[in-house]
PDB file of N, CA and C in Angstrom:
ATOM      1  N   MET A   1       0.961  -1.227  -0.074  1.00  0.00           N
ATOM      2  CA  MET A   1       0.029  -0.073   0.030  1.00  0.00           C
ATOM      3  C   MET A   1       0.660   1.478   0.042  1.00  0.00           C
ATOM      4  N   GLU A   2       0.540   2.112  -1.016  1.00  0.00           N
ATOM      5  CA  GLU A   2       1.662   3.226  -1.086  1.00  0.00           C
ATOM      6  C   GLU A   2       0.929   4.258   0.114  1.00  0.00           C
ATOM      7  N   MET A   3       2.036   5.303   0.756  1.00  0.00           N
ATOM      8  CA  MET A   3       1.466   5.991   1.770  1.00  0.00           C
ATOM      9  C   MET A   3       2.436   7.247   1.620  1.00  0.00           C
ATOM     10  N   LYS A   4       1.580   8.540   2.014  1.00  0.00           N
ATOM     11  CA  LYS A   4       2.469   9.605   1.950  1.00  0.00           C
ATOM     12  C   LYS A   4       2.231  10.164   3.619  1.00  0.00           C
ATOM     13  N   GLU A   5       2.874  11.152   3.660  1.00  0.00           N
ATOM     14  CA  GLU A   5       2.841  11.789   5.009  1.00  0.00           C
ATOM     15  C   GLU A   5       1.483  12.404   5.388  1.00  0.00           C
ATOM     16  N   ALA A   6       0.842  12.534   6.496  1.00  0.00           N
ATOM     17  CA  ALA A   6      -0.291  12.933   6.596  1.00  0.00           C
ATOM     18  C   ALA A   6      -0.454  13.077   8.132  1.00  0.00           C
ATOM     19  N   MET A   7      -1.391  13.983   8.380  1.00  0.00           N
ATOM     20  CA  MET A   7      -1.546  14.236   9.919  1.00  0.00           C
ATOM     21  C   MET A   7      -2.969  14.458  10.395  1.00  0.00           C
ATOM     22  N   ALA A   8      -3.371  14.289  11.548  1.00  0.00           N
ATOM     23  CA  ALA A   8      -4.824  14.727  11.857  1.00  0.00           C
ATOM     24  C   ALA A   8      -4.684  14.998  13.416  1.00  0.00           C
ATOM     25  N   GLY A   9      -5.730  15.762  13.954  1.00  0.00           N
ATOM     26  CA  GLY A   9      -5.641  16.107  15.486  1.00  0.00           C
ATOM     27  C   GLY A   9      -5.255  17.440  15.522  1.00  0.00           C
ATOM     28  N   THR A  10      -5.188  17.667  17.080  1.00  0.00           N
ATOM     29  CA  THR A  10      -4.741  19.136  17.407  1.00  0.00           C
ATOM     30  C   THR A  10      -3.778  18.869  18.823  1.00  0.00           C
ATOM     31  N   LEU A  11      -3.086  20.086  19.193  1.00  0.00           N
ATOM     32  CA  LEU A  11      -2.573  19.947  20.358  1.00  0.00           C
ATOM     33  C   LEU A  11      -3.358  20.389  21.527  1.00  0.00           C
ATOM     34  N   GLU A  12      -4.401  20.565  21.609  1.00  0.00           N
ATOM     35  CA  GLU A  12      -5.405  21.331  22.471  1.00  0.00           C
ATOM     36  C   GLU A  12      -5.685  19.912  23.547  1.00  0.00           C
ATOM     37  N   SER A  13      -6.010  20.436  24.836  1.00  0.00           N
ATOM     38  CA  SER A  13      -6.381  19.547  25.773  1.00  0.00           C
ATOM     39  C   SER A  13      -7.276  18.388  25.290  1.00  0.00           C
ATOM     40  N   GLY A  14      -7.227  17.318  25.701  1.00  0.00           N
ATOM     41  CA  GLY A  14      -8.280  16.263  25.354  1.00  0.00           C
ATOM     42  C   GLY A  14      -8.328  15.722  24.016  1.00  0.00           C
ATOM     43  N   ASP A  15      -7.148  16.080  23.266  1.00  0.00           N
ATOM     44  CA  ASP A  15      -7.138  15.755  21.961  1.00  0.00           C
ATOM     45  C   ASP A  15      -5.678  14.879  21.638  1.00  0.00           C
ATOM     46  N   ILE A  16      -5.635  14.704  20.622  1.00  0.00           N
ATOM     47  CA  ILE A  16      -4.113  13.641  20.213  1.00  0.00           C
ATOM     48  C   ILE A  16      -3.771  14.272  18.772  1.00  0.00           C
ATOM     49  N   PHE A  17      -2.668  14.853  18.291  1.00  0.00           N
ATOM     50  CA  PHE A  17      -2.011  15.206  17.139  1.00  0.00           C
ATOM     51  C   PHE A  17      -1.248  13.756  16.614  1.00  0.00           C
ATOM     52  N   VAL A  18      -1.767  13.335  15.332  1.00  0.00           N
ATOM     53  CA  VAL A  18      -1.310  12.104  14.972  1.00  0.00           C
ATOM     54  C   VAL A  18      -0.690  12.426  13.504  1.00  0.00           C
ATOM     55  N   GLN A  19       0.929  11.968  13.443  1.00  0.00           N
ATOM     56  CA  GLN A  19       1.383  12.090  12.024  1.00  0.00           C
ATOM     57  C   GLN A  19       1.940  10.675  11.377  1.00  0.00           C
ATOM     58  N   ILE A  20       1.456  10.489  10.506  1.00  0.00           N
ATOM     59  CA  ILE A  20       1.801   8.815   9.980  1.00  0.00           C
ATOM     60  C   ILE A  20       2.803   9.257   8.486  1.00  0.00           C
ATOM     61  N   SER A  21       3.656   8.409   8.558  1.00  0.00           N
ATOM     62  CA  SER A  21       4.616   8.442   7.339  1.00  0.00           C
ATOM     63  C   SER A  21       4.919   7.105   6.948  1.00  0.00           C
ATOM     64  N   PRO A  22       5.305   6.827   5.769  1.00  0.00           N
ATOM     65  CA  PRO A  22       5.825   5.719   5.222  1.00  0.00           C
ATOM     66  C   PRO A  22       6.775   4.954   6.140  1.00  0.00           C
ATOM     67  N   ALA A  23       7.151   3.931   6.524  1.00  0.00           N
ATOM     68  CA  ALA A  23       7.930   3.019   7.196  1.00  0.00           C
ATOM     69  C   ALA A  23       9.312   3.251   6.642  1.00  0.00           C
ATOM     70  N   GLU A  24      10.219   3.232   7.736  1.00  0.00           N
ATOM     71  CA  GLU A  24      11.566   3.061   7.234  1.00  0.00           C
ATOM     72  C   GLU A  24      12.101   1.715   6.964  1.00  0.00           C
ATOM     73  N   ALA A  25      11.330   0.679   8.100  1.00  0.00           N
ATOM     74  CA  ALA A  25      11.564  -0.668   8.247  1.00  0.00           C
ATOM     75  C   ALA A  25      10.090  -1.275   8.280  1.00  0.00           C
ATOM     76  N   PRO A  26      10.073  -2.705   8.331  1.00  0.00           N
ATOM     77  CA  PRO A  26       8.889  -3.339   8.243  1.00  0.00           C
ATOM     78  C   PRO A  26       8.256  -3.217   9.794  1.00  0.00           C
ATOM     79  N   GLY A  27       6.907  -3.285   9.818  1.00  0.00           N
ATOM     80  CA  GLY A  27       6.390  -3.061  11.111  1.00  0.00           C
ATOM     81  C   GLY A  27       5.828  -1.752  11.379  1.00  0.00           C
ATOM     82  N   LEU A  28       5.297  -1.574  12.691  1.00  0.00           N
ATOM     83  CA  LEU A  28       4.588  -0.131  12.964  1.00  0.00           C
ATOM     84  C   LEU A  28       5.609   0.236  14.052  1.00  0.00           C
ATOM     85  N   ASN A  29       6.120   1.476  13.747  1.00  0.00           N
ATOM     86  CA  ASN A  29       6.989   2.052  14.720  1.00  0.00           C
ATOM     87  C   ASN A  29       6.217   3.405  15.521  1.00  0.00           C
ATOM     88  N   ILE A  30       5.895   3.341  16.457  1.00  0.00           N
ATOM     89  CA  ILE A  30       5.018   4.559  17.205  1.00  0.00           C
ATOM     90  C   ILE A  30       5.958   5.039  18.145  1.00  0.00           C
ATOM     91  N   GLU A  31       5.859   6.345  18.118  1.00  0.00           N
ATOM     92  CA  GLU A  31       6.677   7.432  19.070  1.00  0.00           C
ATOM     93  C   GLU A  31       5.574   8.186  19.537  1.00  0.00           C
ATOM     94  N   LEU A  32       5.519   8.223  21.004  1.00  0.00           N
ATOM     95  CA  LEU A  32       4.368   8.824  21.830  1.00  0.00           C
ATOM     96  C   LEU A  32       4.937   9.682  22.681  1.00  0.00           C
ATOM     97  N   ASP A  33       4.460  10.772  22.438  1.00  0.00           N
ATOM     98  CA  ASP A  33       4.809  11.834  23.475  1.00  0.00           C
ATOM     99  C   ASP A  33       3.351  12.124  24.310  1.00  0.00           C
ATOM    100  N   SER A  34       3.267  12.094  25.564  1.00  0.00           N
ATOM    101  CA  SER A  34       1.916  11.933  26.221  1.00  0.00           C
ATOM    102  C   SER A  34       2.350  12.782  27.593  1.00  0.00           C
ATOM    103  N   THR A  35       1.210  13.324  27.866  1.00  0.00           N
ATOM    104  CA  THR A  35       1.155  13.948  29.179  1.00  0.00           C
ATOM    105  C   THR A  35       0.609  12.848  30.535  1.00  0.00           C
ATOM    106  N   VAL A  36       0.288  11.997  29.756  1.00  0.00           N
ATOM    107  CA  VAL A  36      -0.375  10.772  30.578  1.00  0.00           C
ATOM    108  C   VAL A  36       0.385   9.586  30.306  1.00  0.00           C
ATOM    109  N   ALA A  37       1.366   9.537  29.599  1.00  0.00           N
ATOM    110  CA  ALA A  37       2.134   8.091  29.375  1.00  0.00           C
ATOM    111  C   ALA A  37       2.570   7.430  30.308  1.00  0.00           C
ATOM    112  N   PHE A  38       2.764   7.846  31.607  1.00  0.00           N
ATOM    113  CA  PHE A  38       3.225   7.045  32.654  1.00  0.00           C
ATOM    114  C   PHE A  38       1.803   5.974  32.815  1.00  0.00           C
ATOM    115  N   GLN A  39       0.630   6.560  32.682  1.00  0.00           N
ATOM    116  CA  GLN A  39      -0.459   5.765  33.360  1.00  0.00           C
ATOM    117  C   GLN A  39      -0.957   5.001  32.368  1.00  0.00           C
ATOM    118  N   PHE A  40      -0.856   5.515  30.817  1.00  0.00           N
ATOM    119  CA  PHE A  40      -1.876   5.192  29.882  1.00  0.00           C
ATOM    120  C   PHE A  40      -1.050   4.942  28.369  1.00  0.00           C
ATOM    121  N   GLY A  41       0.325   5.126  28.641  1.00  0.00           N
ATOM    122  CA  GLY A  41       0.925   5.009  27.468  1.00  0.00           C
ATOM    123  C   GLY A  41       0.612   3.453  26.739  1.00  0.00           C
ATOM    124  N   LYS A  42       0.878   2.494  27.239  1.00  0.00           N
ATOM    125  CA  LYS A  42       0.626   1.206  26.941  1.00  0.00           C
ATOM    126  C   LYS A  42      -0.682   0.899  25.990  1.00  0.00           C
ATOM    127  N   GLN A  43      -1.541   1.557  26.655  1.00  0.00           N
ATOM    128  CA  GLN A  43      -3.056   1.604  26.071  1.00  0.00           C
ATOM    129  C   GLN A  43      -3.130   2.413  24.890  1.00  0.00           C
ATOM    130  N   ILE A  44      -2.586   3.531  24.978  1.00  0.00           N
ATOM    131  CA  ILE A  44      -2.729   4.622  23.729  1.00  0.00           C
ATOM    132  C   ILE A  44      -1.908   3.707  22.707  1.00  0.00           C
ATOM    133  N   LYS A  45      -0.807   3.224  22.588  1.00  0.00           N
ATOM    134  CA  LYS A  45      -0.079   2.717  21.695  1.00  0.00           C
ATOM    135  C   LYS A  45      -0.977   1.385  21.059  1.00  0.00           C
ATOM    136  N   GLN A  46      -1.617   0.474  22.157  1.00  0.00           N
ATOM    137  CA  GLN A  46      -2.429  -0.441  21.644  1.00  0.00           C
ATOM    138  C   GLN A  46      -3.504  -0.115  20.858  1.00  0.00           C
ATOM    139  N   VAL A  47      -4.056   1.239  21.479  1.00  0.00           N
ATOM    140  CA  VAL A  47      -5.626   1.654  20.346  1.00  0.00           C
ATOM    141  C   VAL A  47      -4.723   2.098  18.957  1.00  0.00           C
ATOM    142  N   ILE A  48      -3.513   2.828  18.894  1.00  0.00           N
ATOM    143  CA  ILE A  48      -3.230   3.067  17.612  1.00  0.00           C
ATOM    144  C   ILE A  48      -2.757   1.812  16.860  1.00  0.00           C
ATOM    145  N   THR A  49      -2.314   0.699  17.499  1.00  0.00           N
ATOM    146  CA  THR A  49      -1.990  -0.454  16.694  1.00  0.00           C
ATOM    147  C   THR A  49      -3.104  -0.869  16.114  1.00  0.00           C
ATOM    148  N   GLU A  50      -3.955  -1.264  16.977  1.00  0.00           N
ATOM    149  CA  GLU A  50      -5.122  -1.873  16.575  1.00  0.00           C
ATOM    150  C   GLU A  50      -6.081  -1.137  15.422  1.00  0.00           C
ATOM    151  N   THR A  51      -6.049   0.101  15.631  1.00  0.00           N
ATOM    152  CA  THR A  51      -7.012   1.001  14.620  1.00  0.00           C
ATOM    153  C   THR A  51      -6.057   0.943  13.426  1.00  0.00           C
ATOM    154  N   LEU A  52      -4.787   0.689  13.111  1.00  0.00           N
ATOM    155  CA  LEU A  52      -3.937   0.753  11.894  1.00  0.00           C
ATOM    156  C   LEU A  52      -4.197  -0.556  11.402  1.00  0.00           C
ATOM    157  N   GLU A  53      -3.967  -1.693  12.208  1.00  0.00           N
ATOM    158  CA  GLU A  53      -4.204  -3.159  11.706  1.00  0.00           C
ATOM    159  C   GLU A  53      -5.590  -3.443  11.149  1.00  0.00           C
ATOM    160  N   GLY A  54      -6.693  -2.572  11.726  1.00  0.00           N
ATOM    161  CA  GLY A  54      -7.867  -3.083  11.268  1.00  0.00           C
ATOM    162  C   GLY A  54      -8.363  -2.311  10.063  1.00  0.00           C
ATOM    163  N   LEU A  55      -7.183  -1.183   9.412  1.00  0.00           N
ATOM    164  CA  LEU A  55      -7.276  -0.540   8.251  1.00  0.00           C
ATOM    165  C   LEU A  55      -6.448  -1.291   7.433  1.00  0.00           C
ATOM    166  N   ASN A  56      -5.705  -2.181   7.825  1.00  0.00           N
ATOM    167  CA  ASN A  56      -4.803  -3.055   6.739  1.00  0.00           C
ATOM    168  C   ASN A  56      -3.500  -2.319   6.814  1.00  0.00           C
ATOM    169  N   ILE A  57      -3.173  -1.578   7.601  1.00  0.00           N
ATOM    170  CA  ILE A  57      -1.816  -0.838   7.799  1.00  0.00           C
ATOM    171  C   ILE A  57      -0.795  -1.572   8.580  1.00  0.00           C
ATOM    172  N   ARG A  58       0.064  -2.266   7.998  1.00  0.00           N
ATOM    173  CA  ARG A  58       1.230  -2.904   8.897  1.00  0.00           C
ATOM    174  C   ARG A  58       2.476  -2.390   8.883  1.00  0.00           C
ATOM    175  N   ASP A  59       2.778  -1.342   8.043  1.00  0.00           N
ATOM    176  CA  ASP A  59       4.253  -0.746   8.039  1.00  0.00           C
ATOM    177  C   ASP A  59       3.804   0.660   7.825  1.00  0.00           C
ATOM    178  N   ALA A  60       4.226   1.449   8.935  1.00  0.00           N
ATOM    179  CA  ALA A  60       4.029   2.673   9.107  1.00  0.00           C
ATOM    180  C   ALA A  60       4.766   3.430  10.236  1.00  0.00           C
ATOM    181  N   HIS A  61       5.354   4.506  10.298  1.00  0.00           N
ATOM    182  CA  HIS A  61       5.895   5.395  11.353  1.00  0.00           C
ATOM    183  C   HIS A  61       4.797   6.337  11.889  1.00  0.00           C
ATOM    184  N   VAL A  62       4.457   6.189  13.304  1.00  0.00           N
ATOM    185  CA  VAL A  62       3.519   7.037  13.719  1.00  0.00           C
ATOM    186  C   VAL A  62       4.131   7.865  14.678  1.00  0.00           C
ATOM    187  N   LYS A  63       3.856   9.294  14.574  1.00  0.00           N
ATOM    188  CA  LYS A  63       4.179  10.088  15.687  1.00  0.00           C
ATOM    189  C   LYS A  63       3.143  10.671  16.365  1.00  0.00           C
ATOM    190  N   ALA A  64       2.762  10.263  17.645  1.00  0.00           N
ATOM    191  CA  ALA A  64       1.411  10.887  18.097  1.00  0.00           C
ATOM    192  C   ALA A  64       1.787  11.710  19.680  1.00  0.00           C
ATOM    193  N   THR A  65       1.256  13.009  19.718  1.00  0.00           N
ATOM    194  CA  THR A  65       1.308  13.762  20.569  1.00  0.00           C
ATOM    195  C   THR A  65       0.062  13.883  21.281  1.00  0.00           C
ATOM    196  N   ASP A  66      -0.046  13.442  22.571  1.00  0.00           N
ATOM    197  CA  ASP A  66      -1.294  13.178  23.072  1.00  0.00           C
ATOM    198  C   ASP A  66      -1.438  14.230  24.244  1.00  0.00           C
ATOM    199  N   LYS A  67      -2.441  14.697  24.366  1.00  0.00           N
ATOM    200  CA  LYS A  67      -2.835  15.693  25.520  1.00  0.00           C
ATOM    201  C   LYS A  67      -3.956  15.292  26.224  1.00  0.00           C
ATOM    202  N   GLY A  68      -4.127  13.996  26.481  1.00  0.00           N
ATOM    203  CA  GLY A  68      -5.169  13.369  27.541  1.00  0.00           C
ATOM    204  C   GLY A  68      -6.457  12.813  26.470  1.00  0.00           C
ATOM    205  N   ALA A  69      -6.477  12.409  25.435  1.00  0.00           N
ATOM    206  CA  ALA A  69      -7.253  12.105  24.585  1.00  0.00           C
ATOM    207  C   ALA A  69      -7.828  10.724  25.032  1.00  0.00           C
ATOM    208  N   LEU A  70      -9.466  10.703  25.012  1.00  0.00           N
ATOM    209  CA  LEU A  70     -10.090   9.118  25.279  1.00  0.00           C
ATOM    210  C   LEU A  70      -9.806   8.240  24.027  1.00  0.00           C
ATOM    211  N   ASP A  71      -9.925   6.863  24.270  1.00  0.00           N
ATOM    212  CA  ASP A  71      -9.794   6.033  23.046  1.00  0.00           C
ATOM    213  C   ASP A  71     -10.557   6.301  21.813  1.00  0.00           C
ATOM    214  N   CYS A  72     -11.710   6.727  21.944  1.00  0.00           N
ATOM    215  CA  CYS A  72     -12.492   7.014  20.584  1.00  0.00           C
ATOM    216  C   CYS A  72     -11.763   8.113  20.005  1.00  0.00           C
ATOM    217  N   THR A  73     -11.386   9.037  20.667  1.00  0.00           N
ATOM    218  CA  THR A  73     -10.759  10.366  19.868  1.00  0.00           C
ATOM    219  C   THR A  73      -9.187   9.836  19.256  1.00  0.00           C
ATOM    220  N   ILE A  74      -8.633   8.843  20.096  1.00  0.00           N
ATOM    221  CA  ILE A  74      -7.417   8.418  19.313  1.00  0.00           C
ATOM    222  C   ILE A  74      -7.776   7.522  18.002  1.00  0.00           C
ATOM    223  N   ARG A  75      -8.695   6.756  18.087  1.00  0.00           N
ATOM    224  CA  ARG A  75      -9.251   5.909  16.986  1.00  0.00           C
ATOM    225  C   ARG A  75      -9.433   6.846  15.864  1.00  0.00           C
ATOM    226  N   ALA A  76     -10.277   7.980  15.919  1.00  0.00           N
ATOM    227  CA  ALA A  76     -10.772   8.609  14.941  1.00  0.00           C
ATOM    228  C   ALA A  76      -9.647   9.681  14.624  1.00  0.00           C
ATOM    229  N   ARG A  77      -8.691  10.129  15.108  1.00  0.00           N
ATOM    230  CA  ARG A  77      -7.493  10.666  14.687  1.00  0.00           C
ATOM    231  C   ARG A  77      -6.819   9.980  13.652  1.00  0.00           C
ATOM    232  N   VAL A  78      -6.474   8.616  14.176  1.00  0.00           N
ATOM    233  CA  VAL A  78      -5.553   7.693  13.630  1.00  0.00           C
ATOM    234  C   VAL A  78      -6.267   7.316  12.474  1.00  0.00           C
ATOM    235  N   THR A  79      -7.409   7.011  12.588  1.00  0.00           N
ATOM    236  CA  THR A  79      -8.234   6.552  11.246  1.00  0.00           C
ATOM    237  C   THR A  79      -8.057   7.909  10.204  1.00  0.00           C
ATOM    238  N   ALA A  80      -8.453   9.002  10.552  1.00  0.00           N
ATOM    239  CA  ALA A  80      -8.222  10.383   9.567  1.00  0.00           C
ATOM    240  C   ALA A  80      -7.096  10.418   8.996  1.00  0.00           C
ATOM    241  N   ALA A  81      -5.873  10.291   9.797  1.00  0.00           N
ATOM    242  CA  ALA A  81      -4.628  10.184   9.388  1.00  0.00           C
ATOM    243  C   ALA A  81      -4.385   9.462   8.271  1.00  0.00           C
ATOM    244  N   ALA A  82      -4.699   8.153   8.699  1.00  0.00           N
ATOM    245  CA  ALA A  82      -4.483   6.854   7.772  1.00  0.00           C
ATOM    246  C   ALA A  82      -5.148   7.224   6.375  1.00  0.00           C
ATOM    247  N   VAL A  83      -6.299   7.476   6.473  1.00  0.00           N
ATOM    248  CA  VAL A  83      -6.861   7.863   5.216  1.00  0.00           C
ATOM    249  C   VAL A  83      -6.551   8.897   4.488  1.00  0.00           C
ATOM    250  N   ARG A  84      -5.747   9.882   4.917  1.00  0.00           N
ATOM    251  CA  ARG A  84      -5.417  10.888   4.350  1.00  0.00           C
ATOM    252  C   ARG A  84      -4.033  10.572   3.764  1.00  0.00           C
ATOM    253  N   ALA A  85      -3.467   9.526   4.618  1.00  0.00           N
ATOM    254  CA  ALA A  85      -1.867   9.069   4.296  1.00  0.00           C
ATOM    255  C   ALA A  85      -2.106   8.220   2.793  1.00  0.00           C
ATOM    256  N   THR A  86      -3.093   7.254   3.025  1.00  0.00           N
ATOM    257  CA  THR A  86      -3.324   6.316   1.874  1.00  0.00           C
ATOM    258  C   THR A  86      -4.161   6.574   0.884  1.00  0.00           C
ATOM    259  N   GLY A  87      -4.961   7.628   0.993  1.00  0.00           N
ATOM    260  CA  GLY A  87      -6.118   7.900   0.091  1.00  0.00           C
ATOM    261  C   GLY A  87      -7.308   6.729   0.004  1.00  0.00           C
ATOM    262  N   ASN A  88      -7.235   5.936   0.849  1.00  0.00           N
ATOM    263  CA  ASN A  88      -8.182   4.712   1.198  1.00  0.00           C
ATOM    264  C   ASN A  88      -9.403   5.452   1.937  1.00  0.00           C
ATOM    265  N   ASP A  89     -10.365   5.610   1.157  1.00  0.00           N
ATOM    266  CA  ASP A  89     -11.404   6.221   2.158  1.00  0.00           C
ATOM    267  C   ASP A  89     -12.066   5.112   2.655  1.00  0.00           C
ATOM    268  N   VAL A  90     -12.073   5.036   4.023  1.00  0.00           N
ATOM    269  CA  VAL A  90     -13.109   3.828   4.633  1.00  0.00           C
ATOM    270  C   VAL A  90     -14.444   4.056   4.954  1.00  0.00           C
ATOM    271  N   TRP A  91     -14.746   5.242   4.708  1.00  0.00           N
ATOM    272  CA  TRP A  91     -16.035   5.606   4.949  1.00  0.00           C
ATOM    273  C   TRP A  91     -17.052   5.461   3.594  1.00  0.00           C
ATOM    274  N   LYS A  92     -16.567   4.974   2.809  1.00  0.00           N
ATOM    275  CA  LYS A  92     -17.533   4.854   1.643  1.00  0.00           C
ATOM    276  C   LYS A  92     -18.478   3.748   2.116  1.00  0.00           C
TER     277      LYS A  92
END
């Protein structure tokens, strides 16, 4: 699957800013900067991974800057960034 760099979200409280770009190596590489990483970092990475795998994206570099987003917001932002990166509209 071809991919270009794309992003979604904001840096506002309660949101997450997600940047997706082509992978330099096989697999998902997730960089997480979060105000709640100590408590929820593992969960945030799991939601990102599950969302991308559900969209059949197995190779990507993801940089996420979280400001306390809920799981539903994380899924929405990752999906929006993935659609923009691949051009594959999942809402059809």
